[in-house]
Protein backbone atom coordinates (compact mmCIF):
# COMPACT_ATOMS: atom_id res chain seq x y z
CA MET A 1 94.81 -78.34 250.16
CA LYS A 2 97.52 -75.79 250.97
CA LYS A 3 99.26 -75.92 254.34
CA GLU A 4 98.02 -72.38 254.99
CA PHE A 5 94.40 -73.59 254.73
CA HIS A 6 95.05 -76.45 257.18
CA ILE A 7 96.40 -73.95 259.72
CA ILE A 8 93.40 -71.64 259.23
CA ALA A 9 91.00 -74.57 259.67
CA GLU A 10 92.71 -75.51 262.95
CA LEU A 11 92.15 -71.96 264.26
CA ILE A 12 88.37 -72.22 263.77
CA GLN A 13 86.12 -74.14 266.17
CA LYS A 14 83.36 -76.45 264.95
CA ASN A 15 79.78 -75.29 264.41
CA LYS A 16 80.65 -71.62 263.82
CA ARG A 17 79.62 -69.04 261.21
CA VAL A 18 82.44 -68.10 258.83
CA LEU A 19 82.80 -65.55 256.03
CA ASP A 20 85.73 -66.08 253.65
CA VAL A 21 86.59 -62.82 251.90
CA GLY A 22 88.33 -63.52 248.60
CA CYS A 23 87.48 -67.22 248.85
CA GLY A 24 88.87 -68.13 245.42
CA ASP A 25 87.56 -71.47 244.16
CA GLY A 26 86.09 -72.35 247.58
CA THR A 27 88.64 -75.01 248.57
CA LEU A 28 88.89 -73.78 252.16
CA LEU A 29 85.15 -73.12 252.51
CA LYS A 30 84.32 -76.64 251.30
CA HIS A 31 86.80 -78.15 253.76
CA LEU A 32 85.32 -76.15 256.67
CA LYS A 33 81.75 -77.01 255.70
CA ASP A 34 82.42 -80.74 255.23
CA ASN A 35 84.83 -81.34 258.12
CA LYS A 36 83.86 -78.89 260.85
CA ASN A 37 80.11 -78.43 260.29
CA ILE A 38 80.63 -74.73 259.72
CA ASP A 39 78.01 -72.39 258.30
CA THR A 40 80.11 -70.89 255.49
CA ARG A 41 79.64 -67.86 253.27
CA GLY A 42 82.02 -66.42 250.70
CA LEU A 43 82.68 -63.08 249.04
CA GLU A 44 84.69 -63.33 245.82
CA ILE A 45 85.56 -60.75 243.16
CA SER A 46 86.01 -63.25 240.29
CA LYS A 47 82.80 -64.29 238.52
CA LYS A 48 84.48 -67.52 237.37
CA ASN A 49 85.47 -68.46 240.93
CA VAL A 50 81.96 -67.66 242.19
CA GLN A 51 80.55 -70.09 239.61
CA ILE A 52 83.05 -72.77 240.70
CA CYS A 53 82.04 -72.25 244.35
CA VAL A 54 78.33 -72.44 243.57
CA SER A 55 78.90 -75.66 241.61
CA LYS A 56 80.43 -77.10 244.81
CA GLY A 57 77.24 -76.23 246.70
CA LEU A 58 78.78 -73.25 248.50
CA SER A 59 77.02 -69.99 249.34
CA VAL A 60 79.24 -67.38 247.66
CA ILE A 61 78.39 -63.96 246.26
CA GLU A 62 80.32 -61.87 243.79
CA GLY A 63 81.68 -58.66 245.28
CA ASN A 64 84.59 -56.42 246.15
CA ALA A 65 85.50 -56.49 249.86
CA GLU A 66 86.39 -52.79 249.94
CA LYS A 67 82.83 -51.87 248.97
CA ASP A 68 80.68 -54.89 249.76
CA LEU A 69 81.70 -55.77 253.33
CA GLN A 70 79.50 -52.83 254.36
CA GLN A 71 76.38 -54.84 253.49
CA PHE A 72 77.05 -57.33 256.31
CA PRO A 73 75.61 -56.44 259.74
CA ASN A 74 77.81 -56.06 262.82
CA SER A 75 78.87 -59.37 264.42
CA SER A 76 77.07 -61.46 261.78
CA PHE A 77 79.89 -64.06 261.80
CA ASP A 78 82.10 -65.73 264.39
CA TYR A 79 85.12 -65.63 262.08
CA VAL A 80 86.05 -63.85 258.90
CA ILE A 81 88.98 -65.05 256.78
CA LEU A 82 91.17 -62.89 254.55
CA SER A 83 93.81 -65.04 252.89
CA GLN A 84 96.71 -63.32 251.07
CA THR A 85 94.51 -60.46 249.90
CA LEU A 86 95.16 -57.57 252.29
CA GLN A 87 98.07 -56.22 250.25
CA ALA A 88 95.83 -55.90 247.17
CA PHE A 89 93.41 -53.38 248.70
CA TYR A 90 93.54 -49.62 248.23
CA LYS A 91 92.60 -49.09 251.89
CA PRO A 92 93.74 -52.12 253.92
CA GLU A 93 93.13 -50.35 257.25
CA LYS A 94 89.44 -49.88 256.42
CA VAL A 95 89.16 -53.52 255.34
CA ILE A 96 90.61 -54.70 258.68
CA ASP A 97 88.14 -52.43 260.51
CA ASP A 98 85.28 -53.96 258.49
CA LEU A 99 86.47 -57.51 259.15
CA LEU A 100 86.48 -56.90 262.90
CA ARG A 101 83.05 -55.29 262.66
CA VAL A 102 81.32 -58.18 260.88
CA ALA A 103 83.00 -60.91 262.97
CA ASN A 104 84.30 -61.44 266.48
CA LYS A 105 87.62 -62.74 265.13
CA ALA A 106 89.45 -62.34 261.84
CA ILE A 107 92.10 -64.64 260.41
CA VAL A 108 94.41 -62.69 258.13
CA THR A 109 97.28 -64.19 256.14
CA ILE A 110 99.90 -62.10 254.37
CA PRO A 111 102.80 -62.90 252.05
CA ASN A 112 105.84 -61.59 253.90
CA PHE A 113 107.72 -58.94 251.94
CA GLY A 114 110.37 -59.05 254.70
CA TYR A 115 111.36 -62.64 253.79
CA TRP A 116 115.13 -62.90 253.21
CA LYS A 117 114.82 -64.13 249.61
CA VAL A 118 112.65 -61.11 248.79
CA ARG A 119 115.22 -58.79 250.42
CA LEU A 120 118.16 -60.43 248.63
CA ASN A 121 116.43 -60.32 245.27
CA LEU A 122 115.90 -56.59 245.63
CA LEU A 123 119.40 -56.00 247.02
CA PHE A 124 121.41 -58.01 244.48
CA LYS A 125 119.25 -58.08 241.37
CA GLY A 126 117.71 -54.67 241.92
CA THR A 127 114.33 -55.98 240.75
CA MET A 128 111.03 -56.72 242.44
CA PRO A 129 111.01 -60.36 243.57
CA VAL A 130 108.99 -63.23 242.13
CA THR A 131 108.47 -66.09 244.61
CA LYS A 132 105.99 -68.88 245.32
CA ASN A 133 103.83 -66.53 247.43
CA LEU A 134 104.49 -63.48 245.20
CA PRO A 135 104.20 -65.02 241.74
CA ASN A 136 103.51 -61.90 239.66
CA LYS A 137 105.89 -59.52 237.91
CA TRP A 138 105.84 -55.93 239.16
CA TYR A 139 103.74 -54.75 236.20
CA ASP A 140 100.92 -57.28 236.58
CA THR A 141 100.79 -57.75 240.34
CA PRO A 142 97.58 -57.02 242.27
CA ASN A 143 99.72 -56.01 245.26
CA LEU A 144 99.43 -52.33 246.14
CA HIS A 145 100.63 -52.25 249.75
CA MET A 146 103.73 -54.31 250.43
CA CYS A 147 103.64 -55.53 254.03
CA THR A 148 105.97 -57.55 256.25
CA ILE A 149 105.11 -59.67 259.27
CA LYS A 150 106.70 -56.97 261.44
CA ASP A 151 104.61 -54.27 259.72
CA PHE A 152 101.41 -56.18 260.43
CA VAL A 153 102.30 -56.80 264.09
CA ASN A 154 103.17 -53.11 264.54
CA PHE A 155 99.92 -52.11 262.81
CA CYS A 156 97.87 -54.27 265.19
CA ASN A 157 99.68 -52.89 268.23
CA LYS A 158 99.10 -49.31 267.05
CA LYS A 159 95.39 -49.97 266.45
CA ASN A 160 94.96 -51.88 269.76
CA ILE A 161 94.00 -55.02 267.88
CA ASN A 162 94.59 -58.17 269.92
CA LEU A 163 96.91 -60.62 268.16
CA PHE A 164 95.23 -63.76 269.51
CA LYS A 165 97.59 -66.08 267.60
CA SER A 166 100.51 -65.23 265.31
CA ILE A 167 101.94 -68.00 263.16
CA ALA A 168 104.84 -68.07 260.70
CA LEU A 169 104.99 -70.44 257.75
CA TYR A 170 108.18 -71.34 255.95
CA ASP A 171 108.42 -74.24 253.50
CA GLU A 172 105.50 -76.09 255.17
CA LYS A 173 107.10 -75.56 258.62
CA VAL A 174 104.87 -73.87 261.19
CA SER A 175 106.08 -71.82 264.17
CA LYS A 176 104.71 -69.22 266.56
CA ILE A 177 105.57 -65.53 266.34
CA ASN A 178 106.13 -63.58 269.55
CA ASN A 179 107.88 -60.37 270.61
CA ASN A 180 111.15 -62.22 271.29
CA ASN A 181 111.44 -63.80 267.83
CA LEU A 182 109.67 -61.19 265.68
CA GLU A 183 112.84 -60.07 263.87
CA MET A 184 113.82 -63.65 262.99
CA LYS A 185 110.32 -64.67 261.88
CA ASN A 186 110.13 -61.51 259.76
CA LEU A 187 113.38 -62.51 258.06
CA PHE A 188 112.84 -66.26 257.63
CA SER A 189 109.09 -66.69 257.03
CA GLU A 190 107.31 -66.67 253.69
CA LEU A 191 103.84 -66.19 255.14
CA GLY A 192 102.29 -64.72 258.29
CA ILE A 193 98.99 -66.07 259.64
CA PHE A 194 97.25 -63.98 262.29
CA SER A 195 94.13 -64.57 264.35
CA ILE A 196 93.05 -61.11 265.49
CA GLU A 197 90.23 -59.63 267.56
CA LYS A 198 89.19 -56.22 268.87
């Protein structure tokens, strides 16, 4: 299981209700269900991944978060997870609003477009970067809204969203993000992991 998923699992208390939006093959959901006695649900756009999840005994429905989050009632979950998907939405602000409507807390992870290797690639090669967390070429990437850790923190501050926990991940190393180190974490982190609440 990816380090990112271990961090997310640590942020969630036992015996809670969790919706994983864009749950992929269900690896994280299965871990939460088996190890933390969590009532898990998933929303996944890929029919193939939905079938994989169902074969693991997981409750996952096929759907697009931008349209289908509306079907969930207010506060129907304790946590909602959005892992490395925010940048692929047409309207990420609306998705965040929906996440915080259907759950008390949201855990959002983003690939950091402010990471120094991404910046250098663009500066010296003059091409869009391809990295471990951004594996697609510019012409086949699902990413529509490039976002940095600093962008996301600023967005939350502007929207009065409480950043309950902010975590940076670099090469399996985990550290906290705060106002004093934001510039450095934005430069040296590959991934941002945020626990947010209204």
